[in-house]
Amino acid sequence: MMRPGPLAYPEITTERLRLVCPAAPDFDATAAYLMPGARAFVDQYPDEEAVWWSIATVIGHWHLRGYGHFAVIDKITGFHVGLVGPWFPKGWPEPELSWQLLDGAEGKGYATEAARGVLDWLFREKGWASCISLVDEDNARSVAMVERLGARAEGLFEHKITGPMRVFRHLPKTKAGRKLLEGFA
């Protein structure tokens, strides 16, 4: 079992957003995601029990890996708009930058803004050399988003549950990173 050192609870801020660790003791994941009236996930099952398991998995990922999805909060309204962050469950080819917005938060640029903040944190603070995003090729909005972020398609990943996903590579916005990224085109 992977056991990172003491868990840090980072916070990332962007122009409009606060990204906080949902495993942090001062974040109330129950109120944000599980209480009646909480905003629904885009792909949420109608089963409340499944939502509980999903949130427990997000929090557990932080404890197992030392990183994970951030809860994304609009700074002005205080609304939770989704989860964005690095994700590396068993069976994945390598760490992925992924996102999941809550109902009503789509189409406002939240995912792109949060993803830029997370990528900067991963490359600057965590020292990652790259990460991927796995995107269903029929999801035109997500394909456009990873392209806006500067990622390049580099092939397919076949997962027994999710099926075929396009692999997009993110690299740091450095001269060396841009040169490497050009090699994946």
N, C-alpha and C. Protein backbone atom coordinates (compact mmCIF):
# COMPACT_ATOMS: atom_id res chain seq x y z
N MET A 1 0.85 -1.18 0.00
CA MET A 1 0.00 0.00 0.00
C MET A 1 0.90 1.24 0.00
N MET A 2 0.52 2.21 -0.80
CA MET A 2 1.23 3.47 -0.84
C MET A 2 0.88 4.31 0.37
N ARG A 3 1.88 4.83 1.08
CA ARG A 3 1.63 5.69 2.23
C ARG A 3 2.48 6.94 2.08
N PRO A 4 1.89 8.03 1.62
CA PRO A 4 2.66 9.27 1.56
C PRO A 4 2.96 9.76 2.97
N GLY A 5 3.86 10.72 3.08
CA GLY A 5 4.15 11.32 4.37
C GLY A 5 2.92 12.03 4.90
N PRO A 6 3.10 12.86 5.92
CA PRO A 6 1.94 13.59 6.47
C PRO A 6 1.20 14.32 5.35
N LEU A 7 -0.11 14.19 5.37
CA LEU A 7 -0.93 14.76 4.31
C LEU A 7 -1.00 16.27 4.44
N ALA A 8 -0.62 16.96 3.38
CA ALA A 8 -0.76 18.41 3.32
C ALA A 8 -2.11 18.71 2.69
N TYR A 9 -2.72 19.78 3.12
CA TYR A 9 -4.02 20.17 2.57
C TYR A 9 -3.84 21.47 1.79
N PRO A 10 -3.40 21.35 0.55
CA PRO A 10 -3.13 22.55 -0.24
C PRO A 10 -4.42 23.27 -0.63
N GLU A 11 -4.27 24.53 -0.94
CA GLU A 11 -5.36 25.32 -1.51
C GLU A 11 -4.79 26.07 -2.69
N ILE A 12 -5.52 26.06 -3.78
CA ILE A 12 -5.13 26.77 -5.00
C ILE A 12 -6.18 27.85 -5.23
N THR A 13 -5.73 29.03 -5.58
CA THR A 13 -6.68 30.08 -5.94
C THR A 13 -6.42 30.53 -7.37
N THR A 14 -7.50 30.82 -8.06
CA THR A 14 -7.43 31.38 -9.40
C THR A 14 -8.23 32.67 -9.36
N GLU A 15 -8.43 33.29 -10.49
CA GLU A 15 -9.16 34.56 -10.53
C GLU A 15 -10.55 34.44 -9.90
N ARG A 16 -11.29 33.39 -10.25
CA ARG A 16 -12.67 33.27 -9.76
C ARG A 16 -12.88 32.14 -8.76
N LEU A 17 -11.87 31.29 -8.56
CA LEU A 17 -12.10 30.03 -7.86
C LEU A 17 -11.15 29.80 -6.69
N ARG A 18 -11.66 29.05 -5.72
CA ARG A 18 -10.84 28.46 -4.66
C ARG A 18 -10.91 26.96 -4.86
N LEU A 19 -9.77 26.30 -4.86
CA LEU A 19 -9.70 24.85 -4.97
C LEU A 19 -9.16 24.34 -3.64
N VAL A 20 -9.97 23.55 -2.94
CA VAL A 20 -9.58 23.07 -1.62
C VAL A 20 -9.63 21.55 -1.59
N CYS A 21 -8.82 20.99 -0.71
CA CYS A 21 -8.77 19.54 -0.56
C CYS A 21 -10.01 19.07 0.18
N PRO A 22 -10.80 18.18 -0.42
CA PRO A 22 -12.01 17.71 0.27
C PRO A 22 -11.71 16.81 1.46
N ALA A 23 -10.44 16.40 1.63
CA ALA A 23 -10.05 15.59 2.79
C ALA A 23 -9.63 16.46 3.97
N ALA A 24 -9.50 17.77 3.75
CA ALA A 24 -9.06 18.67 4.82
C ALA A 24 -10.08 18.70 5.95
N PRO A 25 -9.61 18.80 7.19
CA PRO A 25 -10.55 18.78 8.31
C PRO A 25 -11.53 19.96 8.34
N ASP A 26 -11.19 21.06 7.70
CA ASP A 26 -12.10 22.21 7.71
C ASP A 26 -13.05 22.25 6.51
N PHE A 27 -13.02 21.20 5.67
CA PHE A 27 -13.95 21.13 4.54
C PHE A 27 -15.05 20.13 4.87
N ASP A 28 -16.29 20.54 4.77
CA ASP A 28 -17.42 19.68 5.10
C ASP A 28 -17.96 19.03 3.83
N ALA A 29 -17.37 17.88 3.47
CA ALA A 29 -17.79 17.18 2.25
C ALA A 29 -19.23 16.71 2.34
N THR A 30 -19.69 16.38 3.53
CA THR A 30 -21.08 15.94 3.69
C THR A 30 -22.03 17.05 3.29
N ALA A 31 -21.80 18.25 3.81
CA ALA A 31 -22.67 19.37 3.47
C ALA A 31 -22.56 19.73 2.00
N ALA A 32 -21.35 19.68 1.45
CA ALA A 32 -21.14 20.09 0.07
C ALA A 32 -21.77 19.14 -0.94
N TYR A 33 -21.73 17.83 -0.66
CA TYR A 33 -22.10 16.87 -1.69
C TYR A 33 -23.18 15.88 -1.30
N LEU A 34 -23.40 15.64 -0.03
CA LEU A 34 -24.26 14.53 0.36
C LEU A 34 -25.58 14.92 1.01
N MET A 35 -25.72 16.14 1.44
CA MET A 35 -26.95 16.56 2.12
C MET A 35 -28.06 16.82 1.10
N PRO A 36 -29.31 16.69 1.52
CA PRO A 36 -30.41 17.05 0.61
C PRO A 36 -30.23 18.49 0.14
N GLY A 37 -30.45 18.70 -1.13
CA GLY A 37 -30.31 20.04 -1.70
C GLY A 37 -28.93 20.31 -2.28
N ALA A 38 -27.94 19.41 -2.04
CA ALA A 38 -26.61 19.60 -2.62
C ALA A 38 -26.73 19.48 -4.14
N ARG A 39 -25.89 20.25 -4.84
CA ARG A 39 -25.92 20.20 -6.30
C ARG A 39 -25.49 18.83 -6.79
N ALA A 40 -26.12 18.35 -7.84
CA ALA A 40 -25.86 17.00 -8.35
C ALA A 40 -24.69 16.98 -9.32
N PHE A 41 -23.95 15.85 -9.31
CA PHE A 41 -22.89 15.66 -10.29
C PHE A 41 -23.48 15.39 -11.65
N VAL A 42 -22.74 15.73 -12.69
CA VAL A 42 -23.20 15.53 -14.05
C VAL A 42 -23.55 14.07 -14.29
N ASP A 43 -22.68 13.16 -13.84
CA ASP A 43 -22.94 11.74 -14.08
C ASP A 43 -23.39 11.02 -12.82
N GLN A 44 -24.03 11.75 -11.93
CA GLN A 44 -24.46 11.19 -10.65
C GLN A 44 -25.52 10.11 -10.85
N TYR A 45 -25.35 9.04 -10.13
CA TYR A 45 -26.37 8.00 -10.12
C TYR A 45 -27.54 8.50 -9.29
N PRO A 46 -28.74 8.03 -9.57
CA PRO A 46 -29.89 8.45 -8.76
C PRO A 46 -29.82 7.85 -7.36
N ASP A 47 -28.86 7.00 -7.11
CA ASP A 47 -28.70 6.30 -5.85
C ASP A 47 -27.82 7.12 -4.89
N GLU A 48 -28.38 7.59 -3.78
CA GLU A 48 -27.62 8.39 -2.81
C GLU A 48 -26.44 7.63 -2.24
N GLU A 49 -26.59 6.32 -2.13
CA GLU A 49 -25.50 5.50 -1.60
C GLU A 49 -24.28 5.54 -2.53
N ALA A 50 -24.52 5.52 -3.84
CA ALA A 50 -23.42 5.58 -4.81
C ALA A 50 -22.69 6.91 -4.72
N VAL A 51 -23.42 7.99 -4.48
CA VAL A 51 -22.77 9.30 -4.33
C VAL A 51 -21.86 9.29 -3.10
N TRP A 52 -22.34 8.69 -2.01
CA TRP A 52 -21.52 8.59 -0.80
C TRP A 52 -20.21 7.87 -1.11
N TRP A 53 -20.30 6.74 -1.82
CA TRP A 53 -19.10 5.98 -2.17
C TRP A 53 -18.17 6.80 -3.06
N SER A 54 -18.72 7.56 -3.97
CA SER A 54 -17.89 8.40 -4.86
C SER A 54 -17.10 9.43 -4.06
N ILE A 55 -17.78 10.10 -3.13
CA ILE A 55 -17.10 11.13 -2.33
C ILE A 55 -16.06 10.48 -1.41
N ALA A 56 -16.39 9.32 -0.83
CA ALA A 56 -15.42 8.61 0.02
C ALA A 56 -14.19 8.22 -0.79
N THR A 57 -14.38 7.84 -2.05
CA THR A 57 -13.26 7.49 -2.92
C THR A 57 -12.37 8.69 -3.19
N VAL A 58 -12.98 9.85 -3.45
CA VAL A 58 -12.21 11.08 -3.70
C VAL A 58 -11.36 11.42 -2.48
N ILE A 59 -11.96 11.36 -1.30
CA ILE A 59 -11.23 11.68 -0.06
C ILE A 59 -10.16 10.62 0.20
N GLY A 60 -10.49 9.36 0.00
CA GLY A 60 -9.53 8.29 0.21
C GLY A 60 -8.34 8.37 -0.73
N HIS A 61 -8.55 8.84 -1.95
CA HIS A 61 -7.46 8.99 -2.91
C HIS A 61 -6.39 9.92 -2.36
N TRP A 62 -6.81 11.02 -1.72
CA TRP A 62 -5.85 11.94 -1.10
C TRP A 62 -5.01 11.21 -0.06
N HIS A 63 -5.62 10.36 0.72
CA HIS A 63 -4.89 9.66 1.78
C HIS A 63 -3.98 8.57 1.22
N LEU A 64 -4.36 7.93 0.14
CA LEU A 64 -3.54 6.88 -0.45
C LEU A 64 -2.41 7.42 -1.33
N ARG A 65 -2.69 8.49 -2.05
CA ARG A 65 -1.72 9.01 -3.03
C ARG A 65 -1.02 10.30 -2.60
N GLY A 66 -1.64 11.04 -1.68
CA GLY A 66 -1.07 12.33 -1.27
C GLY A 66 -1.49 13.47 -2.19
N TYR A 67 -2.40 13.21 -3.09
CA TYR A 67 -2.97 14.20 -3.99
C TYR A 67 -4.30 13.67 -4.48
N GLY A 68 -5.07 14.51 -5.14
CA GLY A 68 -6.35 14.07 -5.66
C GLY A 68 -7.19 15.23 -6.17
N HIS A 69 -8.47 14.97 -6.33
CA HIS A 69 -9.38 16.01 -6.79
C HIS A 69 -9.51 17.11 -5.74
N PHE A 70 -9.59 18.32 -6.23
CA PHE A 70 -9.90 19.48 -5.39
C PHE A 70 -11.38 19.79 -5.52
N ALA A 71 -11.98 20.21 -4.43
CA ALA A 71 -13.33 20.77 -4.48
C ALA A 71 -13.19 22.18 -5.04
N VAL A 72 -13.95 22.50 -6.06
CA VAL A 72 -13.85 23.79 -6.74
C VAL A 72 -15.02 24.67 -6.28
N ILE A 73 -14.68 25.83 -5.74
CA ILE A 73 -15.66 26.73 -5.14
C ILE A 73 -15.58 28.09 -5.80
N ASP A 74 -16.72 28.61 -6.24
CA ASP A 74 -16.78 29.96 -6.79
C ASP A 74 -16.54 30.94 -5.64
N LYS A 75 -15.52 31.81 -5.77
CA LYS A 75 -15.15 32.73 -4.69
C LYS A 75 -16.26 33.72 -4.33
N ILE A 76 -17.02 34.15 -5.30
CA ILE A 76 -18.05 35.16 -5.04
C ILE A 76 -19.31 34.54 -4.44
N THR A 77 -19.80 33.47 -5.04
CA THR A 77 -21.07 32.89 -4.59
C THR A 77 -20.91 31.86 -3.48
N GLY A 78 -19.72 31.26 -3.37
CA GLY A 78 -19.50 30.18 -2.42
C GLY A 78 -20.03 28.84 -2.90
N PHE A 79 -20.61 28.80 -4.11
CA PHE A 79 -21.14 27.54 -4.65
C PHE A 79 -20.01 26.58 -4.97
N HIS A 80 -20.24 25.31 -4.68
CA HIS A 80 -19.34 24.25 -5.10
C HIS A 80 -19.70 23.95 -6.55
N VAL A 81 -18.73 24.04 -7.43
CA VAL A 81 -19.02 23.87 -8.85
C VAL A 81 -18.50 22.57 -9.43
N GLY A 82 -17.68 21.84 -8.65
CA GLY A 82 -17.21 20.56 -9.15
C GLY A 82 -15.96 20.08 -8.46
N LEU A 83 -15.36 19.08 -9.08
CA LEU A 83 -14.10 18.49 -8.62
C LEU A 83 -13.14 18.48 -9.79
N VAL A 84 -11.91 18.94 -9.55
CA VAL A 84 -10.89 18.95 -10.59
C VAL A 84 -9.57 18.59 -9.92
N GLY A 85 -8.81 17.70 -10.55
CA GLY A 85 -7.50 17.40 -9.97
C GLY A 85 -6.88 16.15 -10.52
N PRO A 86 -5.71 15.80 -9.97
CA PRO A 86 -5.02 14.60 -10.40
C PRO A 86 -5.72 13.36 -9.85
N TRP A 87 -5.74 12.33 -10.66
CA TRP A 87 -6.48 11.11 -10.36
C TRP A 87 -5.66 9.93 -10.87
N PHE A 88 -5.43 8.94 -10.03
CA PHE A 88 -4.62 7.80 -10.45
C PHE A 88 -5.12 6.53 -9.77
N PRO A 89 -6.33 6.07 -10.15
CA PRO A 89 -6.86 4.85 -9.56
C PRO A 89 -6.15 3.61 -10.13
N LYS A 90 -6.32 2.52 -9.46
CA LYS A 90 -5.78 1.26 -9.95
C LYS A 90 -6.32 0.98 -11.35
N GLY A 91 -5.44 0.56 -12.25
CA GLY A 91 -5.84 0.25 -13.61
C GLY A 91 -5.60 1.39 -14.59
N TRP A 92 -5.29 2.59 -14.09
CA TRP A 92 -5.00 3.72 -14.97
C TRP A 92 -3.55 3.62 -15.43
N PRO A 93 -3.23 4.08 -16.64
CA PRO A 93 -1.86 3.95 -17.15
C PRO A 93 -0.86 4.86 -16.44
N GLU A 94 -1.31 5.99 -15.96
CA GLU A 94 -0.46 6.95 -15.24
C GLU A 94 -1.38 8.03 -14.66
N PRO A 95 -0.84 8.94 -13.84
CA PRO A 95 -1.70 9.97 -13.26
C PRO A 95 -2.39 10.82 -14.32
N GLU A 96 -3.65 11.11 -14.03
CA GLU A 96 -4.51 11.84 -14.97
C GLU A 96 -5.00 13.12 -14.32
N LEU A 97 -5.12 14.18 -15.10
CA LEU A 97 -5.86 15.38 -14.69
C LEU A 97 -7.29 15.16 -15.16
N SER A 98 -8.22 15.15 -14.20
CA SER A 98 -9.62 14.93 -14.57
C SER A 98 -10.50 15.97 -13.91
N TRP A 99 -11.75 16.01 -14.34
CA TRP A 99 -12.69 17.01 -13.84
C TRP A 99 -14.09 16.45 -13.90
N GLN A 100 -14.91 16.94 -13.01
CA GLN A 100 -16.32 16.58 -12.99
C GLN A 100 -17.05 17.79 -12.41
N LEU A 101 -17.91 18.39 -13.22
CA LEU A 101 -18.65 19.56 -12.76
C LEU A 101 -20.02 19.14 -12.22
N LEU A 102 -20.53 19.96 -11.34
CA LEU A 102 -21.86 19.74 -10.80
C LEU A 102 -22.89 20.34 -11.75
N ASP A 103 -24.11 19.84 -11.67
CA ASP A 103 -25.18 20.36 -12.54
C ASP A 103 -25.28 21.87 -12.42
N GLY A 104 -25.38 22.53 -13.57
CA GLY A 104 -25.51 23.98 -13.61
C GLY A 104 -24.20 24.72 -13.71
N ALA A 105 -23.06 24.01 -13.58
CA ALA A 105 -21.76 24.68 -13.63
C ALA A 105 -21.08 24.56 -14.99
N GLU A 106 -21.66 23.81 -15.90
CA GLU A 106 -21.04 23.59 -17.20
C GLU A 106 -21.12 24.85 -18.06
N GLY A 107 -20.14 24.99 -18.97
CA GLY A 107 -20.17 26.06 -19.96
C GLY A 107 -19.79 27.44 -19.43
N LYS A 108 -19.21 27.52 -18.25
CA LYS A 108 -18.84 28.81 -17.65
C LYS A 108 -17.32 28.99 -17.53
N GLY A 109 -16.56 28.02 -18.03
CA GLY A 109 -15.11 28.11 -17.98
C GLY A 109 -14.51 27.66 -16.65
N TYR A 110 -15.32 27.15 -15.73
CA TYR A 110 -14.80 26.72 -14.43
C TYR A 110 -13.79 25.59 -14.56
N ALA A 111 -14.11 24.57 -15.35
CA ALA A 111 -13.21 23.41 -15.46
C ALA A 111 -11.86 23.82 -16.05
N THR A 112 -11.88 24.65 -17.09
CA THR A 112 -10.62 25.09 -17.71
C THR A 112 -9.80 25.91 -16.74
N GLU A 113 -10.43 26.86 -16.05
CA GLU A 113 -9.72 27.71 -15.09
C GLU A 113 -9.13 26.88 -13.95
N ALA A 114 -9.93 25.97 -13.42
CA ALA A 114 -9.44 25.13 -12.33
C ALA A 114 -8.32 24.21 -12.81
N ALA A 115 -8.47 23.63 -14.00
CA ALA A 115 -7.45 22.73 -14.54
C ALA A 115 -6.13 23.46 -14.74
N ARG A 116 -6.17 24.70 -15.21
CA ARG A 116 -4.93 25.47 -15.35
C ARG A 116 -4.25 25.66 -14.00
N GLY A 117 -5.04 25.97 -12.98
CA GLY A 117 -4.49 26.13 -11.64
C GLY A 117 -3.88 24.84 -11.12
N VAL A 118 -4.55 23.72 -11.35
CA VAL A 118 -4.05 22.43 -10.89
C VAL A 118 -2.78 22.04 -11.65
N LEU A 119 -2.77 22.23 -12.97
CA LEU A 119 -1.56 21.91 -13.74
C LEU A 119 -0.37 22.72 -13.25
N ASP A 120 -0.58 24.01 -13.01
CA ASP A 120 0.51 24.84 -12.50
C ASP A 120 1.02 24.29 -11.17
N TRP A 121 0.10 23.91 -10.27
CA TRP A 121 0.47 23.36 -8.98
C TRP A 121 1.24 22.04 -9.14
N LEU A 122 0.76 21.16 -10.03
CA LEU A 122 1.43 19.87 -10.23
C LEU A 122 2.85 20.04 -10.75
N PHE A 123 3.02 20.93 -11.72
CA PHE A 123 4.34 21.10 -12.33
C PHE A 123 5.28 21.92 -11.44
N ARG A 124 4.76 22.95 -10.79
CA ARG A 124 5.60 23.84 -9.98
C ARG A 124 5.84 23.29 -8.58
N GLU A 125 4.76 22.90 -7.90
CA GLU A 125 4.88 22.50 -6.50
C GLU A 125 5.19 21.01 -6.32
N LYS A 126 4.60 20.17 -7.12
CA LYS A 126 4.79 18.72 -6.97
C LYS A 126 5.92 18.19 -7.84
N GLY A 127 6.41 18.99 -8.80
CA GLY A 127 7.53 18.58 -9.62
C GLY A 127 7.22 17.55 -10.69
N TRP A 128 5.93 17.43 -11.06
CA TRP A 128 5.58 16.46 -12.10
C TRP A 128 6.15 16.90 -13.45
N ALA A 129 6.59 15.93 -14.24
CA ALA A 129 7.11 16.21 -15.58
C ALA A 129 6.00 16.23 -16.62
N SER A 130 4.91 15.49 -16.35
CA SER A 130 3.77 15.47 -17.26
C SER A 130 2.62 14.76 -16.56
N CYS A 131 1.46 14.83 -17.18
CA CYS A 131 0.31 14.01 -16.79
C CYS A 131 -0.59 13.91 -18.01
N ILE A 132 -1.55 13.04 -17.92
CA ILE A 132 -2.46 12.84 -19.05
C ILE A 132 -3.88 13.24 -18.65
N SER A 133 -4.73 13.37 -19.64
CA SER A 133 -6.18 13.40 -19.44
C SER A 133 -6.75 12.35 -20.37
N LEU A 134 -7.66 11.54 -19.84
CA LEU A 134 -8.35 10.51 -20.63
C LEU A 134 -9.73 11.05 -20.96
N VAL A 135 -10.02 11.14 -22.26
CA VAL A 135 -11.25 11.78 -22.70
C VAL A 135 -11.98 10.88 -23.68
N ASP A 136 -13.28 10.71 -23.46
CA ASP A 136 -14.13 10.00 -24.41
C ASP A 136 -14.14 10.81 -25.70
N GLU A 137 -13.81 10.19 -26.81
CA GLU A 137 -13.70 10.96 -28.05
C GLU A 137 -15.04 11.53 -28.52
N ASP A 138 -16.14 11.05 -27.98
CA ASP A 138 -17.44 11.63 -28.31
C ASP A 138 -17.77 12.85 -27.46
N ASN A 139 -16.93 13.17 -26.48
CA ASN A 139 -17.15 14.31 -25.60
C ASN A 139 -16.42 15.53 -26.18
N ALA A 140 -17.07 16.18 -27.14
CA ALA A 140 -16.44 17.30 -27.87
C ALA A 140 -16.04 18.44 -26.94
N ARG A 141 -16.83 18.72 -25.90
CA ARG A 141 -16.49 19.81 -24.97
C ARG A 141 -15.20 19.52 -24.21
N SER A 142 -15.02 18.29 -23.77
CA SER A 142 -13.79 17.94 -23.05
C SER A 142 -12.59 17.90 -23.98
N VAL A 143 -12.78 17.42 -25.20
CA VAL A 143 -11.68 17.44 -26.18
C VAL A 143 -11.25 18.89 -26.43
N ALA A 144 -12.21 19.79 -26.63
CA ALA A 144 -11.88 21.20 -26.84
C ALA A 144 -11.17 21.78 -25.63
N MET A 145 -11.58 21.39 -24.44
CA MET A 145 -10.95 21.91 -23.23
C MET A 145 -9.49 21.49 -23.13
N VAL A 146 -9.19 20.20 -23.32
CA VAL A 146 -7.79 19.78 -23.19
C VAL A 146 -6.93 20.42 -24.28
N GLU A 147 -7.51 20.66 -25.44
CA GLU A 147 -6.77 21.35 -26.50
C GLU A 147 -6.51 22.80 -26.11
N ARG A 148 -7.50 23.47 -25.47
CA ARG A 148 -7.28 24.84 -24.97
C ARG A 148 -6.17 24.87 -23.92
N LEU A 149 -6.07 23.81 -23.15
CA LEU A 149 -5.03 23.72 -22.13
C LEU A 149 -3.65 23.44 -22.73
N GLY A 150 -3.61 23.15 -24.02
CA GLY A 150 -2.33 22.91 -24.69
C GLY A 150 -1.92 21.45 -24.75
N ALA A 151 -2.80 20.54 -24.34
CA ALA A 151 -2.46 19.11 -24.39
C ALA A 151 -2.56 18.60 -25.83
N ARG A 152 -1.83 17.54 -26.09
CA ARG A 152 -1.82 16.94 -27.42
C ARG A 152 -2.25 15.48 -27.32
N ALA A 153 -3.05 15.04 -28.30
CA ALA A 153 -3.49 13.65 -28.36
C ALA A 153 -2.29 12.77 -28.67
N GLU A 154 -2.24 11.61 -27.98
CA GLU A 154 -1.12 10.71 -28.26
C GLU A 154 -1.53 9.25 -28.37
N GLY A 155 -2.81 8.97 -28.48
CA GLY A 155 -3.22 7.58 -28.68
C GLY A 155 -4.49 7.26 -27.92
N LEU A 156 -4.73 5.96 -27.75
CA LEU A 156 -5.92 5.48 -27.05
C LEU A 156 -5.53 4.63 -25.86
N PHE A 157 -6.40 4.65 -24.86
CA PHE A 157 -6.28 3.78 -23.70
C PHE A 157 -7.58 3.00 -23.62
N GLU A 158 -7.47 1.69 -23.53
CA GLU A 158 -8.65 0.82 -23.45
C GLU A 158 -8.77 0.33 -22.02
N HIS A 159 -9.88 0.69 -21.37
CA HIS A 159 -10.13 0.24 -20.01
C HIS A 159 -11.34 -0.69 -20.03
N LYS A 160 -11.29 -1.73 -19.20
CA LYS A 160 -12.36 -2.72 -19.23
C LYS A 160 -13.71 -2.16 -18.80
N ILE A 161 -13.74 -1.07 -18.04
CA ILE A 161 -15.01 -0.49 -17.60
C ILE A 161 -15.39 0.72 -18.46
N THR A 162 -14.45 1.63 -18.65
CA THR A 162 -14.77 2.87 -19.38
C THR A 162 -14.73 2.73 -20.88
N GLY A 163 -14.06 1.68 -21.38
CA GLY A 163 -13.91 1.51 -22.82
C GLY A 163 -12.78 2.36 -23.35
N PRO A 164 -12.77 2.62 -24.68
CA PRO A 164 -11.65 3.38 -25.26
C PRO A 164 -11.73 4.87 -24.89
N MET A 165 -10.59 5.40 -24.50
CA MET A 165 -10.48 6.82 -24.15
C MET A 165 -9.26 7.38 -24.88
N ARG A 166 -9.41 8.61 -25.40
CA ARG A 166 -8.26 9.28 -26.01
C ARG A 166 -7.33 9.78 -24.92
N VAL A 167 -6.04 9.60 -25.13
CA VAL A 167 -5.02 10.05 -24.20
C VAL A 167 -4.49 11.40 -24.68
N PHE A 168 -4.56 12.40 -23.82
CA PHE A 168 -4.00 13.72 -24.10
C PHE A 168 -2.90 13.99 -23.09
N ARG A 169 -1.75 14.46 -23.56
CA ARG A 169 -0.58 14.70 -22.72
C ARG A 169 -0.45 16.19 -22.37
N HIS A 170 -0.32 16.46 -21.06
CA HIS A 170 -0.05 17.81 -20.55
C HIS A 170 1.41 17.88 -20.13
N LEU A 171 2.08 18.94 -20.53
CA LEU A 171 3.46 19.18 -20.12
C LEU A 171 3.57 20.60 -19.59
N PRO A 172 4.61 20.87 -18.79
CA PRO A 172 4.78 22.24 -18.28
C PRO A 172 4.93 23.25 -19.41
N LYS A 173 4.55 24.47 -19.13
CA LYS A 173 4.64 25.55 -20.11
C LYS A 173 6.05 26.15 -20.13
N THR A 174 7.06 25.28 -20.15
CA THR A 174 8.44 25.72 -20.24
C THR A 174 8.93 25.48 -21.66
N LYS A 175 10.08 26.01 -22.00
CA LYS A 175 10.63 25.79 -23.32
C LYS A 175 10.87 24.29 -23.56
N ALA A 176 11.43 23.60 -22.56
CA ALA A 176 11.68 22.17 -22.70
C ALA A 176 10.36 21.41 -22.82
N GLY A 177 9.35 21.80 -22.04
CA GLY A 177 8.05 21.15 -22.09
C GLY A 177 7.39 21.32 -23.45
N ARG A 178 7.48 22.54 -24.02
CA ARG A 178 6.90 22.76 -25.34
C ARG A 178 7.60 21.92 -26.39
N LYS A 179 8.92 21.78 -26.29
CA LYS A 179 9.67 20.97 -27.26
C LYS A 179 9.25 19.51 -27.17
N LEU A 180 9.12 18.99 -25.93
CA LEU A 180 8.64 17.61 -25.76
C LEU A 180 7.24 17.44 -26.31
N LEU A 181 6.36 18.39 -26.04
CA LEU A 181 4.98 18.31 -26.50
C LEU A 181 4.92 18.26 -28.02
N GLU A 182 5.79 19.02 -28.70
CA GLU A 182 5.81 19.00 -30.15
C GLU A 182 6.11 17.60 -30.69
N GLY A 183 6.91 16.83 -29.93
CA GLY A 183 7.25 15.47 -30.34
C GLY A 183 6.06 14.53 -30.29
N PHE A 184 5.00 14.88 -29.52
CA PHE A 184 3.83 14.02 -29.41
C PHE A 184 2.80 14.32 -30.52
N ALA A 185 2.98 15.40 -31.24
CA ALA A 185 1.99 15.82 -32.25
C ALA A 185 1.95 14.87 -33.42
